[in-house]
Amino acid sequence: MPRFIIERDLPGAGLLSAEELNGIARRSCDVLRELAPDVQWLHSYVTDDRIYCVYIANSEDRIIEHARRGGFPADTVAQVRTIIDVTTAEPLVTH
């Protein structure tokens, strides 16, 4: 399944308490159970005013449906085309 990055504008996200984050995560998991196996949440990054979520899903529409049912913003949804990291900088081996 394709991988997606979801950008959620949430002013003050970095100030959310552990209890608040727990509630958000539980709500997300409740909705994911309804949509399984079409959508899977991998993890999220919380910054000062945004949450960036990494999901795998069979379509962008299922990501939007998860956000709608959960009452979460989904300001930007982008499909990941490839992943690069430090190993990408290693010399290419040609035969």
Protein backbone atom coordinates (compact mmCIF):
# COMPACT_ATOMS: atom_id res chain seq x y z
CA MET A 1 0.00 0.00 0.00
CA PRO A 2 1.18 3.56 -0.63
CA ARG A 3 2.64 5.63 2.19
CA PHE A 4 1.26 9.11 2.95
CA ILE A 5 2.33 12.12 5.01
CA ILE A 6 -0.53 14.10 6.55
CA GLU A 7 0.06 17.63 7.79
CA ARG A 8 -2.39 18.67 10.48
CA ASP A 9 -2.42 22.34 11.49
CA LEU A 10 -3.04 22.35 15.22
CA PRO A 11 -1.92 25.55 16.99
CA GLY A 12 -0.34 24.68 20.32
CA ALA A 13 0.18 21.02 19.42
CA GLY A 14 3.56 21.02 21.13
CA LEU A 15 1.90 22.03 24.39
CA LEU A 16 -0.61 19.16 24.44
CA SER A 17 -0.43 17.09 27.62
CA ALA A 18 0.25 13.37 27.65
CA GLU A 19 -3.43 12.84 28.47
CA GLU A 20 -4.54 14.94 25.50
CA LEU A 21 -2.19 13.10 23.15
CA ASN A 22 -3.44 9.82 24.55
CA GLY A 23 -7.02 10.83 23.80
CA ILE A 24 -6.15 11.86 20.24
CA ALA A 25 -4.30 8.59 19.67
CA ARG A 26 -7.15 6.51 21.09
CA ARG A 27 -9.70 8.29 18.89
CA SER A 28 -7.50 7.71 15.86
CA CYS A 29 -7.15 4.01 16.69
CA ASP A 30 -10.92 3.66 17.16
CA VAL A 31 -11.50 5.02 13.66
CA LEU A 32 -8.67 2.93 12.22
CA ARG A 33 -10.37 -0.22 13.51
CA GLU A 34 -13.48 0.81 11.54
CA LEU A 35 -11.44 1.36 8.36
CA ALA A 36 -9.06 -1.62 8.68
CA PRO A 37 -7.29 -2.91 6.72
CA ASP A 38 -7.48 0.03 4.28
CA VAL A 39 -5.60 2.49 6.52
CA GLN A 40 -2.74 1.98 8.99
CA TRP A 41 -1.11 4.62 11.18
CA LEU A 42 2.65 4.24 11.52
CA HIS A 43 3.61 7.23 13.70
CA SER A 44 3.35 11.00 14.06
CA TYR A 45 5.68 13.90 14.77
CA VAL A 46 4.36 16.67 17.02
CA THR A 47 5.83 20.14 16.52
CA ASP A 48 4.83 23.47 18.03
CA ASP A 49 1.78 24.05 15.81
CA ARG A 50 1.44 20.98 13.62
CA ILE A 51 1.29 17.22 13.71
CA TYR A 52 2.84 15.29 10.82
CA CYS A 53 1.45 11.78 10.52
CA VAL A 54 2.78 8.86 8.52
CA TYR A 55 0.18 6.40 7.27
CA ILE A 56 -0.09 3.63 4.77
CA ALA A 57 -3.40 3.40 2.95
CA ASN A 58 -4.85 2.07 -0.24
CA SER A 59 -5.89 5.59 -1.29
CA GLU A 60 -5.82 9.25 -0.30
CA ASP A 61 -9.61 9.05 0.03
CA ARG A 62 -9.27 6.63 2.96
CA ILE A 63 -6.89 9.06 4.69
CA ILE A 64 -9.46 11.84 4.26
CA GLU A 65 -12.20 9.51 5.55
CA HIS A 66 -10.14 8.74 8.66
CA ALA A 67 -9.70 12.47 9.32
CA ARG A 68 -13.40 13.15 8.77
CA ARG A 69 -14.59 10.37 11.08
CA GLY A 70 -12.03 11.23 13.75
CA GLY A 71 -12.64 14.97 13.62
CA PHE A 72 -8.98 15.59 12.80
CA PRO A 73 -7.68 18.25 10.41
CA ALA A 74 -5.94 16.93 7.30
CA ASP A 75 -4.65 20.16 5.80
CA THR A 76 -2.22 18.48 3.42
CA VAL A 77 -2.12 14.87 2.31
CA ALA A 78 0.83 13.85 0.15
CA GLN A 79 1.78 10.45 -1.18
CA VAL A 80 5.40 9.50 -0.52
CA ARG A 81 7.10 8.64 -3.81
CA THR A 82 10.43 7.48 -2.37
CA ILE A 83 12.45 7.63 0.81
CA ILE A 84 16.01 8.93 0.99
CA ASP A 85 18.45 8.87 3.86
CA VAL A 86 22.21 8.87 4.43
CA THR A 87 22.58 5.63 2.48
CA THR A 88 21.23 7.41 -0.60
CA ALA A 89 24.50 9.36 -0.69
CA GLU A 90 26.59 6.21 -0.99
CA PRO A 91 28.21 5.53 -4.35
CA LEU A 92 26.00 3.71 -6.81
CA VAL A 93 27.15 0.23 -7.70
CA THR A 94 26.95 -0.51 -11.41
CA HIS A 95 27.60 -3.85 -13.01
